[in-house]
């Protein structure tokens, strides 16, 4: 996106913060568990495969909380009411699940067609912060 230098700096910082939030290990773990719950629920309701992408967060949560599957309801209970049970561990821990960073938002603002990092190299270090958190994370759901 093309903008003036002051706005580009603000956009850069907003993009970095957004990346750091969505790439946090805890957020990634929650995403893995939610994906598991949805996959298990879809096994019971394959007819939802087409409409699930159109559901609001509320609709999806209601579907999963009321699933016929005890496993799905258990995952949802952890996500909604017992998130403290999500604990990080070593890869070889019993019950360890893996959470990976899929992508880093890499739209860098331009000032007169030039990337901000080329105009102000001091911003390159800040831009690299999200890449520093990349890597696999391992977690498990602790017993209640």
C-alpha atoms as a PDB file:
ATOM      1  CA  UNK A   1       0.000   0.000   0.000  1.00  0.00           C
ATOM      2  CA  UNK A   2       1.235   3.449  -0.880  1.00  0.00           C
ATOM      3  CA  UNK A   3       1.057   6.287   1.641  1.00  0.00           C
ATOM      4  CA  UNK A   4       3.039   9.102   3.233  1.00  0.00           C
ATOM      5  CA  UNK A   5       5.946   8.297   5.562  1.00  0.00           C
ATOM      6  CA  UNK A   6       4.182   9.128   8.836  1.00  0.00           C
ATOM      7  CA  UNK A   7       1.170   6.968   7.978  1.00  0.00           C
ATOM      8  CA  UNK A   8       3.486   4.201   6.718  1.00  0.00           C
ATOM      9  CA  UNK A   9       5.220   4.099  10.115  1.00  0.00           C
ATOM     10  CA  UNK A  10       1.858   3.766  11.896  1.00  0.00           C
ATOM     11  CA  UNK A  11       0.730   1.060   9.456  1.00  0.00           C
ATOM     12  CA  UNK A  12       3.992  -0.804   9.937  1.00  0.00           C
ATOM     13  CA  UNK A  13       3.604  -0.816  13.715  1.00  0.00           C
ATOM     14  CA  UNK A  14      -0.044  -1.908  13.439  1.00  0.00           C
ATOM     15  CA  UNK A  15       0.888  -4.780  11.106  1.00  0.00           C
ATOM     16  CA  UNK A  16       3.658  -5.897  13.459  1.00  0.00           C
ATOM     17  CA  UNK A  17       1.331  -5.872  16.481  1.00  0.00           C
ATOM     18  CA  UNK A  18      -1.297  -7.769  14.511  1.00  0.00           C
ATOM     19  CA  UNK A  19       1.275 -10.413  13.570  1.00  0.00           C
ATOM     20  CA  UNK A  20       2.537 -10.736  17.141  1.00  0.00           C
ATOM     21  CA  UNK A  21      -0.994 -11.256  18.460  1.00  0.00           C
ATOM     22  CA  UNK A  22      -2.004 -13.831  15.850  1.00  0.00           C
ATOM     23  CA  UNK A  23       1.353 -15.602  16.031  1.00  0.00           C
ATOM     24  CA  UNK A  24       1.406 -15.910  19.800  1.00  0.00           C
ATOM     25  CA  UNK A  25       1.895 -19.537  20.846  1.00  0.00           C
ATOM     26  CA  UNK A  26      -1.266 -19.469  22.952  1.00  0.00           C
ATOM     27  CA  UNK A  27      -3.386 -18.176  20.071  1.00  0.00           C
ATOM     28  CA  UNK A  28      -1.914 -20.882  17.830  1.00  0.00           C
ATOM     29  CA  UNK A  29      -2.744 -23.579  20.401  1.00  0.00           C
ATOM     30  CA  UNK A  30      -6.339 -22.357  20.613  1.00  0.00           C
ATOM     31  CA  UNK A  31      -6.555 -22.438  16.818  1.00  0.00           C
ATOM     32  CA  UNK A  32      -5.330 -26.054  16.740  1.00  0.00           C
ATOM     33  CA  UNK A  33      -7.884 -27.127  19.341  1.00  0.00           C
ATOM     34  CA  UNK A  34     -10.724 -25.307  17.601  1.00  0.00           C
ATOM     35  CA  UNK A  35      -9.715 -26.972  14.341  1.00  0.00           C
ATOM     36  CA  UNK A  36      -9.794 -30.372  16.026  1.00  0.00           C
ATOM     37  CA  UNK A  37     -13.241 -29.702  17.457  1.00  0.00           C
ATOM     38  CA  UNK A  38     -14.567 -28.584  14.066  1.00  0.00           C
ATOM     39  CA  UNK A  39     -13.058 -31.609  12.277  1.00  0.00           C
ATOM     40  CA  UNK A  40     -14.554 -34.037  14.794  1.00  0.00           C
ATOM     41  CA  UNK A  41     -17.949 -32.348  14.538  1.00  0.00           C
ATOM     42  CA  UNK A  42     -17.835 -32.461  10.732  1.00  0.00           C
ATOM     43  CA  UNK A  43     -17.268 -36.209  10.884  1.00  0.00           C
ATOM     44  CA  UNK A  44     -20.695 -36.440  12.505  1.00  0.00           C
ATOM     45  CA  UNK A  45     -22.261 -33.791  10.257  1.00  0.00           C
ATOM     46  CA  UNK A  46     -20.661 -33.903   6.796  1.00  0.00           C
ATOM     47  CA  UNK A  47     -23.605 -31.879   5.479  1.00  0.00           C
ATOM     48  CA  UNK A  48     -22.149 -28.840   7.276  1.00  0.00           C
ATOM     49  CA  UNK A  49     -18.959 -28.930   5.205  1.00  0.00           C
ATOM     50  CA  UNK A  50     -20.290 -26.375   2.704  1.00  0.00           C
ATOM     51  CA  UNK A  51     -21.968 -24.032   5.192  1.00  0.00           C
ATOM     52  CA  UNK A  52     -19.393 -24.039   7.989  1.00  0.00           C
ATOM     53  CA  UNK A  53     -17.274 -21.366   6.288  1.00  0.00           C
ATOM     54  CA  UNK A  54     -20.287 -19.037   6.268  1.00  0.00           C
ATOM     55  CA  UNK A  55     -21.065 -19.426   9.982  1.00  0.00           C
ATOM     56  CA  UNK A  56     -20.492 -16.595  12.410  1.00  0.00           C
ATOM     57  CA  UNK A  57     -18.298 -17.242  15.438  1.00  0.00           C
ATOM     58  CA  UNK A  58     -21.441 -17.486  17.545  1.00  0.00           C
ATOM     59  CA  UNK A  59     -23.047 -20.046  15.223  1.00  0.00           C
ATOM     60  CA  UNK A  60     -19.888 -22.157  15.121  1.00  0.00           C
ATOM     61  CA  UNK A  61     -19.460 -22.013  18.896  1.00  0.00           C
ATOM     62  CA  UNK A  62     -23.094 -23.021  19.445  1.00  0.00           C
ATOM     63  CA  UNK A  63     -22.734 -25.938  17.014  1.00  0.00           C
ATOM     64  CA  UNK A  64     -19.604 -27.203  18.737  1.00  0.00           C
ATOM     65  CA  UNK A  65     -20.787 -26.658  22.312  1.00  0.00           C
ATOM     66  CA  UNK A  66     -23.902 -28.704  21.545  1.00  0.00           C
ATOM     67  CA  UNK A  67     -22.193 -31.420  19.521  1.00  0.00           C
ATOM     68  CA  UNK A  68     -23.200 -35.026  20.023  1.00  0.00           C
ATOM     69  CA  UNK A  69     -19.494 -35.765  20.420  1.00  0.00           C
ATOM     70  CA  UNK A  70     -18.222 -35.728  23.992  1.00  0.00           C
ATOM     71  CA  UNK A  71     -14.716 -35.064  22.640  1.00  0.00           C
ATOM     72  CA  UNK A  72     -15.907 -31.911  20.853  1.00  0.00           C
ATOM     73  CA  UNK A  73     -17.757 -30.682  23.936  1.00  0.00           C
ATOM     74  CA  UNK A  74     -14.650 -31.350  26.057  1.00  0.00           C
ATOM     75  CA  UNK A  75     -12.464 -29.289  23.726  1.00  0.00           C
ATOM     76  CA  UNK A  76     -14.986 -26.466  23.755  1.00  0.00           C
ATOM     77  CA  UNK A  77     -15.136 -26.531  27.549  1.00  0.00           C
ATOM     78  CA  UNK A  78     -11.370 -26.075  27.640  1.00  0.00           C
ATOM     79  CA  UNK A  79     -11.456 -23.246  25.095  1.00  0.00           C
ATOM     80  CA  UNK A  80     -14.346 -21.350  26.658  1.00  0.00           C
ATOM     81  CA  UNK A  81     -14.172 -22.084  30.372  1.00  0.00           C
ATOM     82  CA  UNK A  82     -10.846 -23.726  31.223  1.00  0.00           C
ATOM     83  CA  UNK A  83      -8.178 -22.191  28.966  1.00  0.00           C
ATOM     84  CA  UNK A  84      -5.692 -22.396  31.846  1.00  0.00           C
ATOM     85  CA  UNK A  85      -5.495 -26.111  31.036  1.00  0.00           C
ATOM     86  CA  UNK A  86      -3.634 -25.324  27.807  1.00  0.00           C
ATOM     87  CA  UNK A  87       0.009 -25.692  28.828  1.00  0.00           C
ATOM     88  CA  UNK A  88       3.156 -25.624  26.746  1.00  0.00           C
ATOM     89  CA  UNK A  89       5.452 -28.613  26.850  1.00  0.00           C
ATOM     90  CA  UNK A  90       8.264 -30.425  25.080  1.00  0.00           C
ATOM     91  CA  UNK A  91       7.611 -32.175  21.778  1.00  0.00           C
ATOM     92  CA  UNK A  92       7.954 -35.613  23.348  1.00  0.00           C
ATOM     93  CA  UNK A  93       5.556 -34.979  26.256  1.00  0.00           C
ATOM     94  CA  UNK A  94       2.593 -37.313  26.558  1.00  0.00           C
ATOM     95  CA  UNK A  95      -0.360 -35.885  24.658  1.00  0.00           C
ATOM     96  CA  UNK A  96       1.710 -33.117  23.047  1.00  0.00           C
ATOM     97  CA  UNK A  97       0.084 -31.317  20.149  1.00  0.00           C
ATOM     98  CA  UNK A  98       1.934 -29.170  17.638  1.00  0.00           C
ATOM     99  CA  UNK A  99       1.048 -25.617  16.660  1.00  0.00           C
ATOM    100  CA  UNK A 100       2.843 -24.045  13.713  1.00  0.00           C
ATOM    101  CA  UNK A 101       2.912 -20.552  12.323  1.00  0.00           C
ATOM    102  CA  UNK A 102       1.336 -20.715   8.900  1.00  0.00           C
ATOM    103  CA  UNK A 103       2.161 -17.278   7.538  1.00  0.00           C
ATOM    104  CA  UNK A 104       3.376 -13.861   8.517  1.00  0.00           C
ATOM    105  CA  UNK A 105       1.500 -10.875   7.087  1.00  0.00           C
ATOM    106  CA  UNK A 106       4.122  -9.305   4.852  1.00  0.00           C
ATOM    107  CA  UNK A 107       2.475  -6.266   3.297  1.00  0.00           C
ATOM    108  CA  UNK A 108       4.959  -3.494   3.876  1.00  0.00           C
ATOM    109  CA  UNK A 109       3.879   0.093   3.284  1.00  0.00           C
ATOM    110  CA  UNK A 110       5.430   2.069   0.454  1.00  0.00           C
ATOM    111  CA  UNK A 111       6.359   5.736   0.427  1.00  0.00           C
ATOM    112  CA  UNK A 112       6.579   7.090  -3.139  1.00  0.00           C
ATOM    113  CA  UNK A 113       6.936   3.508  -4.379  1.00  0.00           C
ATOM    114  CA  UNK A 114       9.823   2.706  -2.019  1.00  0.00           C
ATOM    115  CA  UNK A 115       9.447   0.241   0.878  1.00  0.00           C
ATOM    116  CA  UNK A 116       9.611   2.008   4.234  1.00  0.00           C
ATOM    117  CA  UNK A 117      12.467  -0.302   5.295  1.00  0.00           C
ATOM    118  CA  UNK A 118      14.622   1.174   2.486  1.00  0.00           C
ATOM    119  CA  UNK A 119      13.849   4.731   3.552  1.00  0.00           C
ATOM    120  CA  UNK A 120      14.178   4.095   7.275  1.00  0.00           C
ATOM    121  CA  UNK A 121      16.320   0.957   7.855  1.00  0.00           C
ATOM    122  CA  UNK A 122      15.747   1.196  11.623  1.00  0.00           C
ATOM    123  CA  UNK A 123      12.241  -0.149  10.986  1.00  0.00           C
ATOM    124  CA  UNK A 124      13.604  -3.382   9.476  1.00  0.00           C
ATOM    125  CA  UNK A 125      14.577  -4.695  12.922  1.00  0.00           C
ATOM    126  CA  UNK A 126      11.085  -4.048  14.231  1.00  0.00           C
ATOM    127  CA  UNK A 127       9.574  -5.709  11.139  1.00  0.00           C
ATOM    128  CA  UNK A 128      11.614  -8.845  11.852  1.00  0.00           C
ATOM    129  CA  UNK A 129      10.055  -9.304  15.329  1.00  0.00           C
ATOM    130  CA  UNK A 130       7.221 -11.588  14.138  1.00  0.00           C
ATOM    131  CA  UNK A 131       9.704 -13.774  12.267  1.00  0.00           C
ATOM    132  CA  UNK A 132      11.648 -14.235  15.519  1.00  0.00           C
ATOM    133  CA  UNK A 133       8.667 -16.048  17.091  1.00  0.00           C
ATOM    134  CA  UNK A 134       8.343 -18.503  14.197  1.00  0.00           C
ATOM    135  CA  UNK A 135       8.819 -22.147  14.883  1.00  0.00           C
ATOM    136  CA  UNK A 136       6.811 -25.066  16.117  1.00  0.00           C
ATOM    137  CA  UNK A 137       5.216 -24.901  19.555  1.00  0.00           C
ATOM    138  CA  UNK A 138       4.063 -27.894  21.540  1.00  0.00           C
ATOM    139  CA  UNK A 139       1.277 -27.916  24.065  1.00  0.00           C
ATOM    140  CA  UNK A 140      -1.089 -30.272  25.774  1.00  0.00           C
ATOM    141  CA  UNK A 141      -4.375 -29.998  27.606  1.00  0.00           C
ATOM    142  CA  UNK A 142      -3.785 -30.652  31.286  1.00  0.00           C
ATOM    143  CA  UNK A 143      -6.213 -32.703  33.291  1.00  0.00           C
ATOM    144  CA  UNK A 144      -8.764 -30.763  35.310  1.00  0.00           C
END
